[in-house]
Amino acid sequence: MRSIAPLDRDAVIEDVGRTGRLLVVDEDYRDFGLTGELAATLLEAGVTARYARVAVEETIPFDPAREREVLPNVERIATAARRLLRVDTVR
């Protein structure tokens, strides 16, 4: 996606419906953010898909070094992508 405002819900629904997979990476909190909005959009449209979310958990530490530990990174994204591609994994 190139833009989340405005959110092109039709494109998301079409693409996820076609591929059956969704990987969302967001530097915002996991709860109440873009990841949840995308999941709700698909659910309301009746699209079933395998999905993975890579986002920040509930807190962001004040220390910049610790902050990097909770933000999405290459390892967490790659792990989520591999999990989505495996046939034997449900979620």
N, C-alpha and C. Protein backbone atom coordinates (compact mmCIF):
# COMPACT_ATOMS: atom_id res chain seq x y z
N MET A 1 0.83 -1.17 0.00
CA MET A 1 0.00 0.00 0.00
C MET A 1 0.88 1.24 0.00
N ARG A 2 0.48 2.19 -0.75
CA ARG A 2 1.21 3.46 -0.79
C ARG A 2 0.63 4.48 0.16
N SER A 3 -0.60 4.30 0.54
CA SER A 3 -1.26 5.29 1.38
C SER A 3 -2.24 4.61 2.32
N ILE A 4 -2.32 5.13 3.54
CA ILE A 4 -3.35 4.63 4.45
C ILE A 4 -4.42 5.69 4.70
N ALA A 5 -4.19 6.88 4.16
CA ALA A 5 -5.19 7.94 4.29
C ALA A 5 -5.27 8.68 2.96
N PRO A 6 -6.22 8.42 2.13
CA PRO A 6 -7.35 7.52 2.39
C PRO A 6 -6.95 6.05 2.21
N LEU A 7 -7.60 5.20 2.97
CA LEU A 7 -7.35 3.76 2.90
C LEU A 7 -8.17 3.18 1.76
N ASP A 8 -7.49 2.57 0.80
CA ASP A 8 -8.17 1.97 -0.35
C ASP A 8 -8.65 0.57 0.03
N ARG A 9 -9.76 0.53 0.73
CA ARG A 9 -10.29 -0.73 1.23
C ARG A 9 -10.60 -1.71 0.10
N ASP A 10 -11.12 -1.21 -1.00
CA ASP A 10 -11.46 -2.09 -2.12
C ASP A 10 -10.22 -2.81 -2.65
N ALA A 11 -9.10 -2.12 -2.75
CA ALA A 11 -7.86 -2.73 -3.23
C ALA A 11 -7.37 -3.78 -2.24
N VAL A 12 -7.45 -3.48 -0.95
CA VAL A 12 -7.03 -4.44 0.07
C VAL A 12 -7.89 -5.70 -0.01
N ILE A 13 -9.19 -5.51 -0.08
CA ILE A 13 -10.11 -6.64 -0.15
C ILE A 13 -9.83 -7.48 -1.39
N GLU A 14 -9.65 -6.82 -2.53
CA GLU A 14 -9.38 -7.54 -3.78
C GLU A 14 -8.07 -8.32 -3.72
N ASP A 15 -6.99 -7.67 -3.29
CA ASP A 15 -5.69 -8.33 -3.27
C ASP A 15 -5.63 -9.47 -2.26
N VAL A 16 -6.14 -9.24 -1.07
CA VAL A 16 -6.11 -10.30 -0.06
C VAL A 16 -7.06 -11.43 -0.46
N GLY A 17 -8.18 -11.09 -1.06
CA GLY A 17 -9.08 -12.13 -1.55
C GLY A 17 -8.43 -13.00 -2.61
N ARG A 18 -7.58 -12.38 -3.43
CA ARG A 18 -6.89 -13.10 -4.51
C ARG A 18 -5.77 -13.97 -3.96
N THR A 19 -4.97 -13.43 -3.04
CA THR A 19 -3.80 -14.16 -2.54
C THR A 19 -4.10 -15.04 -1.34
N GLY A 20 -5.11 -14.65 -0.56
CA GLY A 20 -5.44 -15.41 0.64
C GLY A 20 -4.48 -15.15 1.79
N ARG A 21 -3.66 -14.11 1.66
CA ARG A 21 -2.67 -13.80 2.70
C ARG A 21 -2.57 -12.30 2.92
N LEU A 22 -2.25 -11.93 4.17
CA LEU A 22 -2.02 -10.53 4.50
C LEU A 22 -0.91 -10.44 5.54
N LEU A 23 0.11 -9.66 5.25
CA LEU A 23 1.17 -9.37 6.20
C LEU A 23 1.18 -7.86 6.40
N VAL A 24 0.93 -7.44 7.62
CA VAL A 24 0.91 -6.01 7.94
C VAL A 24 2.08 -5.71 8.86
N VAL A 25 2.87 -4.71 8.49
CA VAL A 25 3.98 -4.25 9.31
C VAL A 25 3.69 -2.80 9.67
N ASP A 26 3.71 -2.51 10.96
CA ASP A 26 3.33 -1.18 11.42
C ASP A 26 4.19 -0.80 12.61
N GLU A 27 4.75 0.40 12.60
CA GLU A 27 5.54 0.89 13.73
C GLU A 27 4.67 1.51 14.81
N ASP A 28 3.37 1.35 14.69
CA ASP A 28 2.45 1.82 15.71
C ASP A 28 2.11 0.63 16.61
N TYR A 29 1.31 0.90 17.63
CA TYR A 29 0.92 -0.17 18.53
C TYR A 29 0.12 -1.24 17.80
N ARG A 30 0.28 -2.48 18.23
CA ARG A 30 -0.45 -3.60 17.64
C ARG A 30 -1.95 -3.43 17.84
N ASP A 31 -2.35 -3.03 19.03
CA ASP A 31 -3.76 -2.83 19.32
C ASP A 31 -4.20 -1.43 18.89
N PHE A 32 -5.37 -1.35 18.34
CA PHE A 32 -6.03 -0.08 18.00
C PHE A 32 -5.35 0.68 16.86
N GLY A 33 -4.60 0.01 16.04
CA GLY A 33 -3.91 0.69 14.96
C GLY A 33 -4.34 0.21 13.59
N LEU A 34 -3.50 0.46 12.61
CA LEU A 34 -3.77 0.08 11.24
C LEU A 34 -3.98 -1.42 11.10
N THR A 35 -3.22 -2.21 11.83
CA THR A 35 -3.34 -3.66 11.70
C THR A 35 -4.75 -4.12 12.04
N GLY A 36 -5.32 -3.59 13.09
CA GLY A 36 -6.68 -3.95 13.47
C GLY A 36 -7.71 -3.43 12.48
N GLU A 37 -7.48 -2.25 11.93
CA GLU A 37 -8.40 -1.68 10.95
C GLU A 37 -8.44 -2.54 9.69
N LEU A 38 -7.29 -3.00 9.24
CA LEU A 38 -7.25 -3.86 8.06
C LEU A 38 -7.95 -5.19 8.33
N ALA A 39 -7.73 -5.75 9.50
CA ALA A 39 -8.40 -7.00 9.84
C ALA A 39 -9.91 -6.81 9.87
N ALA A 40 -10.37 -5.70 10.45
CA ALA A 40 -11.80 -5.42 10.51
C ALA A 40 -12.38 -5.23 9.10
N THR A 41 -11.65 -4.55 8.24
CA THR A 41 -12.10 -4.32 6.87
C THR A 41 -12.33 -5.66 6.16
N LEU A 42 -11.39 -6.58 6.31
CA LEU A 42 -11.51 -7.88 5.66
C LEU A 42 -12.64 -8.70 6.27
N LEU A 43 -12.76 -8.67 7.58
CA LEU A 43 -13.81 -9.42 8.25
C LEU A 43 -15.18 -8.92 7.82
N GLU A 44 -15.34 -7.60 7.78
CA GLU A 44 -16.63 -7.03 7.37
C GLU A 44 -16.97 -7.37 5.92
N ALA A 45 -15.93 -7.55 5.09
CA ALA A 45 -16.16 -7.90 3.68
C ALA A 45 -16.32 -9.40 3.48
N GLY A 46 -16.16 -10.17 4.54
CA GLY A 46 -16.31 -11.62 4.44
C GLY A 46 -15.11 -12.31 3.82
N VAL A 47 -13.96 -11.65 3.82
CA VAL A 47 -12.74 -12.24 3.25
C VAL A 47 -12.04 -13.04 4.33
N THR A 48 -11.78 -14.30 4.05
CA THR A 48 -10.99 -15.11 4.97
C THR A 48 -9.60 -15.25 4.39
N ALA A 49 -8.62 -15.05 5.24
CA ALA A 49 -7.23 -15.10 4.78
C ALA A 49 -6.33 -15.43 5.95
N ARG A 50 -5.18 -15.95 5.61
CA ARG A 50 -4.13 -16.12 6.61
C ARG A 50 -3.48 -14.76 6.78
N TYR A 51 -3.18 -14.39 8.01
CA TYR A 51 -2.61 -13.07 8.23
C TYR A 51 -1.56 -13.12 9.32
N ALA A 52 -0.71 -12.13 9.28
CA ALA A 52 0.30 -11.93 10.33
C ALA A 52 0.45 -10.44 10.54
N ARG A 53 0.66 -10.07 11.79
CA ARG A 53 0.87 -8.67 12.13
C ARG A 53 2.21 -8.53 12.82
N VAL A 54 3.00 -7.59 12.36
CA VAL A 54 4.26 -7.26 13.01
C VAL A 54 4.13 -5.80 13.41
N ALA A 55 4.00 -5.56 14.69
CA ALA A 55 3.79 -4.20 15.19
C ALA A 55 4.43 -4.09 16.57
N VAL A 56 4.30 -2.92 17.14
CA VAL A 56 4.83 -2.66 18.48
C VAL A 56 3.83 -3.20 19.49
N GLU A 57 4.34 -3.87 20.51
CA GLU A 57 3.46 -4.36 21.56
C GLU A 57 2.95 -3.17 22.38
N GLU A 58 2.49 -3.38 23.56
CA GLU A 58 1.79 -2.34 24.32
C GLU A 58 2.61 -1.12 24.73
N THR A 59 3.90 -1.25 24.91
CA THR A 59 4.68 -0.11 25.40
C THR A 59 5.90 0.13 24.53
N ILE A 60 6.32 1.39 24.49
CA ILE A 60 7.57 1.75 23.84
C ILE A 60 8.49 2.30 24.93
N PRO A 61 9.64 1.68 25.14
CA PRO A 61 10.55 2.15 26.18
C PRO A 61 11.08 3.54 25.86
N PHE A 62 11.45 4.27 26.90
CA PHE A 62 12.00 5.61 26.74
C PHE A 62 13.41 5.55 26.15
N ASP A 63 14.17 4.53 26.52
CA ASP A 63 15.56 4.38 26.06
C ASP A 63 15.59 4.05 24.57
N PRO A 64 16.26 4.87 23.74
CA PRO A 64 16.30 4.61 22.29
C PRO A 64 16.83 3.22 21.92
N ALA A 65 17.80 2.71 22.66
CA ALA A 65 18.33 1.37 22.35
C ALA A 65 17.26 0.31 22.58
N ARG A 66 16.50 0.42 23.64
CA ARG A 66 15.42 -0.53 23.93
C ARG A 66 14.25 -0.34 22.97
N GLU A 67 14.04 0.89 22.51
CA GLU A 67 12.96 1.15 21.57
C GLU A 67 13.17 0.35 20.29
N ARG A 68 14.39 0.27 19.82
CA ARG A 68 14.69 -0.50 18.61
C ARG A 68 14.34 -1.98 18.78
N GLU A 69 14.39 -2.47 19.99
CA GLU A 69 14.07 -3.88 20.25
C GLU A 69 12.59 -4.20 20.06
N VAL A 70 11.71 -3.23 20.29
CA VAL A 70 10.28 -3.51 20.20
C VAL A 70 9.67 -3.09 18.87
N LEU A 71 10.39 -2.31 18.08
CA LEU A 71 9.89 -1.90 16.77
C LEU A 71 10.03 -3.06 15.78
N PRO A 72 9.21 -3.09 14.75
CA PRO A 72 9.38 -4.12 13.71
C PRO A 72 10.80 -4.07 13.14
N ASN A 73 11.35 -5.24 12.89
CA ASN A 73 12.69 -5.31 12.31
C ASN A 73 12.72 -6.43 11.26
N VAL A 74 13.83 -6.52 10.57
CA VAL A 74 13.94 -7.49 9.47
C VAL A 74 13.67 -8.91 9.95
N GLU A 75 14.20 -9.28 11.08
CA GLU A 75 14.03 -10.65 11.58
C GLU A 75 12.56 -10.96 11.87
N ARG A 76 11.86 -10.06 12.56
CA ARG A 76 10.45 -10.29 12.88
C ARG A 76 9.59 -10.32 11.62
N ILE A 77 9.89 -9.45 10.66
CA ILE A 77 9.12 -9.42 9.41
C ILE A 77 9.35 -10.69 8.61
N ALA A 78 10.61 -11.11 8.49
CA ALA A 78 10.93 -12.32 7.73
C ALA A 78 10.29 -13.55 8.37
N THR A 79 10.32 -13.63 9.68
CA THR A 79 9.70 -14.76 10.38
C THR A 79 8.20 -14.81 10.11
N ALA A 80 7.54 -13.67 10.17
CA ALA A 80 6.10 -13.61 9.90
C ALA A 80 5.80 -13.99 8.46
N ALA A 81 6.62 -13.52 7.52
CA ALA A 81 6.40 -13.85 6.10
C ALA A 81 6.58 -15.34 5.86
N ARG A 82 7.61 -15.93 6.44
CA ARG A 82 7.81 -17.37 6.29
C ARG A 82 6.65 -18.16 6.86
N ARG A 83 6.15 -17.71 8.01
CA ARG A 83 5.02 -18.40 8.64
C ARG A 83 3.78 -18.33 7.74
N LEU A 84 3.57 -17.21 7.08
CA LEU A 84 2.43 -17.08 6.17
C LEU A 84 2.54 -18.01 4.97
N LEU A 85 3.75 -18.27 4.53
CA LEU A 85 3.94 -19.09 3.34
C LEU A 85 3.89 -20.58 3.63
N ARG A 86 4.05 -20.97 4.88
CA ARG A 86 3.98 -22.40 5.22
C ARG A 86 2.55 -22.87 5.15
N VAL A 87 2.34 -23.99 4.58
CA VAL A 87 1.00 -24.56 4.42
C VAL A 87 0.46 -25.10 5.73
N ASP A 88 1.34 -25.62 6.59
CA ASP A 88 0.89 -26.29 7.80
C ASP A 88 0.56 -25.34 8.93
N THR A 89 0.76 -24.05 8.77
CA THR A 89 0.51 -23.08 9.83
C THR A 89 -0.87 -22.46 9.66
N VAL A 90 -1.65 -22.45 10.72
CA VAL A 90 -2.98 -21.85 10.66
C VAL A 90 -2.87 -20.34 10.81
N ARG A 91 -2.21 -19.84 11.83
CA ARG A 91 -2.00 -18.41 12.03
C ARG A 91 -0.71 -18.16 12.70
